[in-house]
């Protein structure tokens, strides 16, 4: 590994990349996702965001070279593939264009100390108004706080202190700096959350990777090398919010959440560096104008329950239609959702717009034109690969 850049095999996991960085430097990092078992190949080629992307942009924004095999069996790097194809594979989905074998990424510099916090609040009857107001405030500030602060929230369902179930909203943060600097920032931007030093834990960046992966910050880094598999079934969807969701919309959403046992809405604030990068810089178009992204998740254990939970997911997604982006209703490529549309053997560019515009918006036509140049016979195809552009 070089001091400020690294080659990583496309078959590696994010955890393996993070582990290799930590073994070389305690002031370098990489802005990618928080799930260590995710493969870097698909993650980078779909965009790839994580807890420090408001400061540094996407994983794809830090890719500076790549090796790939095209439909003709040629082995290409950035120079030989050309800038159009290099543009396409950094957010347009590499599987549409070839087999990517390795990426060269630029590392970013982080402070030796970062700070995290996590404050759960419930919607129990004695807390409902206060928690609702906290979330309404979060919507207005999360994308506007300094880019060093990642202030996200997670909605889930938990046991109520009054019996039954209630919605829980966790307000979590990662700050690229010390608790001493974070406290006045939070007291100024989000005093309603009532944070004090006791709420903060200082650590290194690599320890924050352990934390957001669900480990203890004192666990050995070798845990990041594990490729554990989960056998729990799940369904996911995604959305982008461009206007604050009003109180009545939120209350309806929370009623729907209470119908499920293991629902999660992960709300990721944008702004910061993401608002400064053009939506055409890479195929990933969800930049300026996005307040936050939503990942909807529901888990279940038995195959017999699949239809029930998938139906619930589709209902909550339909409920959210008035409150999210429009023209098109946007989605994130790395949360592949076949409900948006599926290719047939001879799907045309026009037909593929049903899902392509949601993932790529105004970049979809350029991606299809590049596909026509590098893979006109559509050798690389699956249910949602980009078809060649044809008139």
Protein backbone atom coordinates (compact mmCIF):
# COMPACT_ATOMS: atom_id res chain seq x y z
CA UNK A 1 0.00 0.00 0.00
CA UNK A 2 1.25 3.44 -0.89
CA UNK A 3 1.01 6.21 1.66
CA UNK A 4 -2.10 7.91 0.26
CA UNK A 5 -3.50 5.38 -2.23
CA UNK A 6 -4.02 1.65 -2.44
CA UNK A 7 -4.86 -1.07 -4.92
CA UNK A 8 -7.60 -3.38 -3.68
CA UNK A 9 -8.85 -6.54 -5.38
CA UNK A 10 -12.50 -6.39 -6.39
CA UNK A 11 -13.15 -9.61 -4.48
CA UNK A 12 -12.03 -8.11 -1.17
CA UNK A 13 -14.46 -6.97 1.49
CA UNK A 14 -14.72 -3.51 2.99
CA UNK A 15 -13.54 -4.97 6.28
CA UNK A 16 -10.38 -6.27 4.64
CA UNK A 17 -9.72 -2.88 3.07
CA UNK A 18 -10.22 -1.06 6.37
CA UNK A 19 -7.99 -3.56 8.18
CA UNK A 20 -5.18 -3.06 5.68
CA UNK A 21 -5.42 0.73 5.99
CA UNK A 22 -5.33 0.58 9.80
CA UNK A 23 -2.23 -1.59 9.75
CA UNK A 24 -0.35 1.08 7.83
CA UNK A 25 -1.65 4.39 9.19
CA UNK A 26 -3.76 5.76 12.02
CA UNK A 27 -4.57 8.98 10.17
CA UNK A 28 -5.81 7.58 6.87
CA UNK A 29 -9.25 6.19 6.07
CA UNK A 30 -11.57 5.44 3.19
CA UNK A 31 -15.14 6.79 2.80
CA UNK A 32 -17.17 3.65 2.20
CA UNK A 33 -19.90 1.62 3.89
CA UNK A 34 -20.19 0.37 7.46
CA UNK A 35 -20.93 -3.31 6.71
CA UNK A 36 -17.51 -5.03 6.68
CA UNK A 37 -18.63 -8.13 4.76
CA UNK A 38 -19.77 -6.14 1.71
CA UNK A 39 -17.56 -6.72 -1.34
CA UNK A 40 -15.70 -3.68 -2.61
CA UNK A 41 -16.32 -4.51 -6.29
CA UNK A 42 -20.04 -3.88 -6.30
CA UNK A 43 -19.91 -1.27 -3.55
CA UNK A 44 -17.49 1.02 -5.41
CA UNK A 45 -19.12 0.53 -8.79
CA UNK A 46 -22.54 1.53 -7.40
CA UNK A 47 -21.31 4.64 -5.60
CA UNK A 48 -20.68 3.55 -2.05
CA UNK A 49 -21.39 5.81 0.94
CA UNK A 50 -20.62 5.57 4.63
CA UNK A 51 -20.17 7.53 7.83
CA UNK A 52 -17.61 10.03 6.50
CA UNK A 53 -19.07 10.68 3.05
CA UNK A 54 -20.38 14.14 4.02
CA UNK A 55 -16.73 15.14 4.39
CA UNK A 56 -15.11 13.20 1.55
CA UNK A 57 -17.83 12.10 -0.87
CA UNK A 58 -18.48 8.58 -2.08
CA UNK A 59 -16.15 5.63 -2.40
CA UNK A 60 -16.54 6.05 -6.17
CA UNK A 61 -15.35 9.65 -5.89
CA UNK A 62 -12.01 8.37 -4.57
CA UNK A 63 -11.38 5.77 -7.30
CA UNK A 64 -8.39 6.85 -9.40
CA UNK A 65 -7.78 3.75 -11.53
CA UNK A 66 -9.15 0.27 -12.18
CA UNK A 67 -8.38 -2.99 -13.94
CA UNK A 68 -11.19 -4.71 -15.84
CA UNK A 69 -11.92 -7.28 -18.54
CA UNK A 70 -14.28 -6.13 -21.28
CA UNK A 71 -16.65 -8.09 -23.54
CA UNK A 72 -13.82 -8.74 -26.00
CA UNK A 73 -11.58 -10.24 -23.32
CA UNK A 74 -9.23 -7.26 -23.22
CA UNK A 75 -7.60 -6.30 -19.94
CA UNK A 76 -7.99 -2.55 -19.50
CA UNK A 77 -6.88 0.12 -17.07
CA UNK A 78 -8.00 3.73 -16.89
CA UNK A 79 -5.77 4.81 -19.77
CA UNK A 80 -6.73 1.99 -22.13
CA UNK A 81 -10.44 1.95 -21.30
CA UNK A 82 -10.84 5.70 -21.78
CA UNK A 83 -12.50 8.30 -19.61
CA UNK A 84 -16.08 7.50 -20.69
CA UNK A 85 -15.91 3.90 -19.53
CA UNK A 86 -13.95 4.89 -16.43
CA UNK A 87 -16.75 7.37 -15.66
CA UNK A 88 -19.39 4.68 -16.13
CA UNK A 89 -17.94 2.07 -13.77
CA UNK A 90 -17.67 4.55 -10.87
CA UNK A 91 -21.33 4.58 -9.89
CA UNK A 92 -23.02 3.10 -12.96
CA UNK A 93 -22.61 -0.51 -11.92
CA UNK A 94 -19.55 -2.32 -13.18
CA UNK A 95 -21.46 -5.50 -14.06
CA UNK A 96 -23.07 -3.73 -17.04
CA UNK A 97 -19.70 -3.12 -18.69
CA UNK A 98 -17.30 -5.91 -17.79
CA UNK A 99 -15.54 -7.74 -15.00
CA UNK A 100 -13.64 -5.39 -12.70
CA UNK A 101 -10.71 -7.15 -11.03
CA UNK A 102 -9.09 -4.35 -9.01
CA UNK A 103 -9.52 -0.73 -7.97
CA UNK A 104 -6.96 1.91 -7.11
CA UNK A 105 -8.38 4.26 -4.49
CA UNK A 106 -7.23 7.49 -2.96
CA UNK A 107 -7.13 7.42 0.82
CA UNK A 108 -8.35 10.36 2.88
CA UNK A 109 -6.80 11.89 5.97
CA UNK A 110 -8.73 11.77 9.23
CA UNK A 111 -7.91 13.08 12.71
CA UNK A 112 -6.43 10.70 15.27
CA UNK A 113 -9.52 11.18 17.43
CA UNK A 114 -13.15 10.91 16.35
CA UNK A 115 -16.23 11.01 18.56
CA UNK A 116 -19.45 9.00 18.48
CA UNK A 117 -22.77 9.15 20.29
CA UNK A 118 -26.10 7.33 20.16
CA UNK A 119 -29.25 8.62 21.81
CA UNK A 120 -32.39 6.46 21.51
CA UNK A 121 -35.80 8.04 21.98
CA UNK A 122 -39.19 6.32 21.92
CA UNK A 123 -42.69 7.35 20.94
CA UNK A 124 -44.25 6.06 24.16
CA UNK A 125 -47.19 8.24 25.16
CA UNK A 126 -45.17 10.35 27.60
CA UNK A 127 -42.39 10.92 25.04
CA UNK A 128 -44.30 11.03 21.76
CA UNK A 129 -44.52 14.80 21.33
CA UNK A 130 -40.91 15.44 22.34
CA UNK A 131 -39.55 12.65 20.11
CA UNK A 132 -41.65 13.80 17.17
CA UNK A 133 -40.31 17.32 17.59
CA UNK A 134 -36.75 15.99 17.78
CA UNK A 135 -37.14 14.23 14.47
CA UNK A 136 -38.78 17.26 12.85
CA UNK A 137 -35.77 19.31 13.97
CA UNK A 138 -33.35 16.61 12.74
CA UNK A 139 -34.84 16.87 9.26
CA UNK A 140 -34.04 20.59 9.11
CA UNK A 141 -30.42 20.42 10.27
CA UNK A 142 -28.89 17.01 9.49
CA UNK A 143 -27.78 18.00 5.97
CA UNK A 144 -26.69 21.48 7.07
CA UNK A 145 -24.39 20.81 10.02
CA UNK A 146 -20.63 21.00 9.34
CA UNK A 147 -19.40 18.26 7.02
CA UNK A 148 -17.25 16.76 9.79
CA UNK A 149 -20.45 15.60 11.51
CA UNK A 150 -22.46 12.59 10.33
CA UNK A 151 -25.76 12.87 12.20
CA UNK A 152 -28.06 10.08 11.15
CA UNK A 153 -31.16 8.46 12.63
CA UNK A 154 -32.65 5.00 12.63
CA UNK A 155 -36.32 4.13 13.12
CA UNK A 156 -37.21 0.73 14.54
CA UNK A 157 -39.75 -0.99 16.77
CA UNK A 158 -39.12 -1.85 20.41
CA UNK A 159 -41.07 -2.91 23.48
CA UNK A 160 -43.09 -0.16 25.10
CA UNK A 161 -42.78 0.51 28.81
CA UNK A 162 -46.59 0.47 28.83
CA UNK A 163 -46.86 -2.94 27.20
CA UNK A 164 -47.01 -3.74 23.52
CA UNK A 165 -44.75 -2.07 20.97
CA UNK A 166 -43.61 1.44 20.20
CA UNK A 167 -41.44 3.16 17.62
CA UNK A 168 -37.89 4.03 18.59
CA UNK A 169 -35.80 6.69 16.87
CA UNK A 170 -32.07 6.60 17.54
CA UNK A 171 -30.07 9.75 16.87
CA UNK A 172 -26.47 8.72 16.25
CA UNK A 173 -23.41 10.68 15.27
CA UNK A 174 -19.82 10.38 14.16
CA UNK A 175 -17.72 13.53 14.44
CA UNK A 176 -14.28 13.90 12.92
CA UNK A 177 -12.77 15.53 15.99
CA UNK A 178 -12.83 15.57 19.77
CA UNK A 179 -15.73 15.65 22.19
CA UNK A 180 -14.52 19.06 23.35
CA UNK A 181 -15.24 20.47 19.88
CA UNK A 182 -18.40 18.43 19.31
CA UNK A 183 -20.26 19.51 22.45
CA UNK A 184 -20.62 23.23 21.63
CA UNK A 185 -21.50 22.31 18.03
CA UNK A 186 -24.37 20.08 19.16
CA UNK A 187 -25.51 22.58 21.79
CA UNK A 188 -25.69 25.20 19.06
CA UNK A 189 -27.23 23.13 16.24
CA UNK A 190 -29.34 20.60 18.13
CA UNK A 191 -29.76 21.69 21.77
CA UNK A 192 -33.08 19.83 22.00
CA UNK A 193 -31.20 16.52 22.01
CA UNK A 194 -29.67 17.51 25.37
CA UNK A 195 -26.21 16.06 24.82
CA UNK A 196 -23.43 16.25 27.43
CA UNK A 197 -19.90 14.88 27.63
CA UNK A 198 -21.26 11.68 29.16
CA UNK A 199 -22.97 10.91 25.84
CA UNK A 200 -19.71 10.98 23.87
CA UNK A 201 -17.06 8.33 23.33
CA UNK A 202 -13.74 9.26 21.75
CA UNK A 203 -11.86 6.72 19.67
CA UNK A 204 -9.80 6.25 16.54
CA UNK A 205 -11.39 6.10 13.08
CA UNK A 206 -10.80 2.36 12.81
CA UNK A 207 -12.51 1.86 16.17
CA UNK A 208 -15.51 3.73 14.80
CA UNK A 209 -15.57 1.19 11.96
CA UNK A 210 -15.86 -1.56 14.58
CA UNK A 211 -18.59 0.41 16.36
CA UNK A 212 -20.79 0.93 13.31
CA UNK A 213 -20.27 -2.71 12.33
CA UNK A 214 -21.84 -3.73 15.64
CA UNK A 215 -18.66 -4.70 17.49
CA UNK A 216 -17.07 -3.30 20.63
CA UNK A 217 -14.45 -0.63 19.95
CA UNK A 218 -12.08 -2.72 22.08
CA UNK A 219 -12.53 -5.86 19.97
CA UNK A 220 -9.57 -7.03 17.86
CA UNK A 221 -9.42 -5.57 14.36
CA UNK A 222 -9.21 -9.12 12.98
CA UNK A 223 -13.00 -9.27 13.34
CA UNK A 224 -13.14 -7.09 10.23
CA UNK A 225 -11.64 -9.97 8.27
CA UNK A 226 -14.50 -12.35 9.03
CA UNK A 227 -16.88 -13.15 6.20
CA UNK A 228 -19.84 -14.15 8.30
CA UNK A 229 -23.03 -14.99 6.48
CA UNK A 230 -26.53 -14.28 7.69
CA UNK A 231 -29.31 -16.72 7.00
CA UNK A 232 -32.08 -14.31 7.92
CA UNK A 233 -34.32 -13.24 5.05
CA UNK A 234 -34.86 -9.57 4.32
CA UNK A 235 -36.33 -7.14 1.81
CA UNK A 236 -34.92 -3.66 1.17
CA UNK A 237 -35.94 -0.56 -0.76
CA UNK A 238 -34.63 3.00 -0.94
CA UNK A 239 -35.80 6.58 -1.35
CA UNK A 240 -34.46 10.14 -1.32
CA UNK A 241 -36.14 12.93 0.62
CA UNK A 242 -35.93 16.40 -0.91
CA UNK A 243 -38.52 18.18 1.28
CA UNK A 244 -39.08 17.82 5.00
CA UNK A 245 -41.73 15.19 5.77
CA UNK A 246 -44.55 16.87 7.74
CA UNK A 247 -45.79 15.68 11.10
CA UNK A 248 -48.91 14.03 9.71
CA UNK A 249 -46.84 12.07 7.23
CA UNK A 250 -44.54 10.84 9.97
CA UNK A 251 -47.40 9.76 12.21
CA UNK A 252 -48.85 7.63 9.42
CA UNK A 253 -45.44 6.10 8.81
CA UNK A 254 -45.02 5.18 12.46
CA UNK A 255 -48.41 3.43 12.48
CA UNK A 256 -47.27 1.30 9.56
CA UNK A 257 -43.97 0.48 11.29
CA UNK A 258 -45.89 -0.88 14.27
CA UNK A 259 -47.45 -3.51 12.01
CA UNK A 260 -44.04 -5.22 11.76
CA UNK A 261 -41.72 -6.87 14.29
CA UNK A 262 -38.31 -6.14 12.72
CA UNK A 263 -38.59 -3.06 10.51
CA UNK A 264 -35.78 -0.54 10.16
CA UNK A 265 -35.59 2.80 8.40
CA UNK A 266 -32.00 4.01 8.16
CA UNK A 267 -31.99 7.75 7.42
CA UNK A 268 -28.72 9.03 6.01
CA UNK A 269 -28.15 12.81 5.85
CA UNK A 270 -26.57 14.31 2.75
CA UNK A 271 -25.22 17.84 2.34
CA UNK A 272 -21.62 18.74 3.00
CA UNK A 273 -19.23 17.56 0.31
CA UNK A 274 -22.06 15.69 -1.42
CA UNK A 275 -23.76 18.97 -2.29
CA UNK A 276 -20.56 20.35 -3.80
CA UNK A 277 -20.00 17.56 -6.33
CA UNK A 278 -21.95 17.77 -9.58
CA UNK A 279 -24.59 15.12 -10.18
CA UNK A 280 -22.87 14.35 -13.48
CA UNK A 281 -19.36 13.95 -12.05
CA UNK A 282 -20.08 10.23 -11.77
CA UNK A 283 -23.20 8.22 -12.72
CA UNK A 284 -24.38 8.51 -9.08
CA UNK A 285 -26.79 11.48 -9.41
CA UNK A 286 -28.11 11.89 -5.87
CA UNK A 287 -26.09 14.92 -4.79
CA UNK A 288 -27.30 18.48 -4.25
CA UNK A 289 -30.96 18.68 -3.29
CA UNK A 290 -31.08 15.44 -1.32
CA UNK A 291 -31.79 16.11 2.35
CA UNK A 292 -31.42 12.48 3.32
CA UNK A 293 -31.67 9.00 1.90
CA UNK A 294 -33.86 6.22 3.29
CA UNK A 295 -33.07 2.54 3.37
CA UNK A 296 -36.13 0.50 4.23
CA UNK A 297 -35.43 -2.92 5.73
CA UNK A 298 -37.56 -5.72 7.11
CA UNK A 299 -36.25 -9.08 8.40
CA UNK A 300 -37.91 -12.43 9.00
CA UNK A 301 -36.88 -15.98 9.83
CA UNK A 302 -39.23 -18.38 8.05
CA UNK A 303 -39.74 -18.76 4.30
CA UNK A 304 -43.46 -19.14 4.95
CA UNK A 305 -43.52 -15.51 6.11
CA UNK A 306 -41.96 -14.08 2.96
CA UNK A 307 -45.13 -12.97 1.18
CA UNK A 308 -46.45 -11.21 4.29
CA UNK A 309 -43.30 -9.18 4.87
CA UNK A 310 -42.67 -8.33 1.22
CA UNK A 311 -46.27 -7.12 0.99
CA UNK A 312 -45.70 -4.92 4.04
CA UNK A 313 -42.56 -3.46 2.47
CA UNK A 314 -44.42 -2.60 -0.71
CA UNK A 315 -47.21 -0.95 1.27
CA UNK A 316 -44.86 1.26 3.29
CA UNK A 317 -43.05 2.18 0.07
CA UNK A 318 -46.35 3.17 -1.56
CA UNK A 319 -47.35 5.14 1.54
CA UNK A 320 -44.16 7.20 1.29
CA UNK A 321 -44.76 8.21 -2.33
CA UNK A 322 -46.06 11.76 -1.54
CA UNK A 323 -43.14 12.51 0.77
CA UNK A 324 -40.09 11.58 -1.32
CA UNK A 325 -38.38 12.62 -4.55
CA UNK A 326 -40.40 12.81 -7.76
CA UNK A 327 -39.81 12.92 -11.51
CA UNK A 328 -38.34 10.35 -11.11
CA UNK A 329 -38.76 8.83 -7.70
CA UNK A 330 -35.08 8.13 -7.08
CA UNK A 331 -33.45 4.95 -5.75
CA UNK A 332 -29.91 3.85 -4.87
CA UNK A 333 -28.33 1.29 -7.19
CA UNK A 334 -26.60 -0.65 -4.42
CA UNK A 335 -29.98 -1.38 -2.81
CA UNK A 336 -31.09 -3.31 -5.89
CA UNK A 337 -34.87 -3.46 -6.05
CA UNK A 338 -36.39 -5.63 -8.77
CA UNK A 339 -39.81 -4.16 -7.99
CA UNK A 340 -38.67 -1.12 -10.00
CA UNK A 341 -38.43 -3.13 -13.23
CA UNK A 342 -36.72 -6.16 -14.74
CA UNK A 343 -34.97 -6.66 -18.06
CA UNK A 344 -36.10 -9.29 -20.50
CA UNK A 345 -33.83 -10.88 -23.08
CA UNK A 346 -34.36 -8.02 -25.51
CA UNK A 347 -35.24 -5.12 -23.23
CA UNK A 348 -34.74 -1.79 -24.98
CA UNK A 349 -33.31 1.39 -23.56
CA UNK A 350 -36.80 2.95 -23.50
CA UNK A 351 -38.21 0.01 -21.56
CA UNK A 352 -35.30 0.00 -19.12
CA UNK A 353 -36.06 3.61 -18.18
CA UNK A 354 -38.65 2.20 -15.74
CA UNK A 355 -35.81 1.39 -13.37
CA UNK A 356 -32.81 3.13 -14.97
CA UNK A 357 -34.02 6.69 -14.45
CA UNK A 358 -34.68 5.98 -10.78
CA UNK A 359 -31.11 4.86 -10.17
CA UNK A 360 -29.29 7.23 -12.52
CA UNK A 361 -31.71 10.05 -13.47
CA UNK A 362 -30.14 12.32 -16.14
CA UNK A 363 -27.06 10.06 -16.38
CA UNK A 364 -28.94 7.02 -17.69
CA UNK A 365 -28.75 7.91 -21.38
CA UNK A 366 -25.01 8.51 -21.23
CA UNK A 367 -24.55 5.14 -19.52
CA UNK A 368 -26.59 3.42 -22.23
CA UNK A 369 -24.55 5.11 -24.97
CA UNK A 370 -21.31 3.96 -23.35
CA UNK A 371 -22.77 0.46 -23.08
CA UNK A 372 -23.49 0.54 -26.82
CA UNK A 373 -19.87 1.46 -27.51
CA UNK A 374 -18.17 -1.12 -25.29
CA UNK A 375 -20.68 -4.00 -25.24
CA UNK A 376 -23.09 -3.58 -28.19
CA UNK A 377 -24.07 -7.27 -28.16
CA UNK A 378 -25.06 -6.96 -24.49
CA UNK A 379 -22.79 -9.81 -23.40
CA UNK A 380 -22.83 -8.61 -19.80
CA UNK A 381 -26.46 -8.67 -18.73
CA UNK A 382 -28.69 -9.45 -15.79
CA UNK A 383 -32.09 -8.36 -14.56
CA UNK A 384 -31.00 -4.74 -14.17
CA UNK A 385 -27.94 -4.19 -16.33
CA UNK A 386 -27.94 -1.17 -18.62
CA UNK A 387 -28.99 -2.06 -22.18
CA UNK A 388 -27.19 -0.57 -25.20
CA UNK A 389 -28.66 2.70 -26.38
CA UNK A 390 -30.64 2.33 -29.62
CA UNK A 391 -32.82 4.81 -31.45
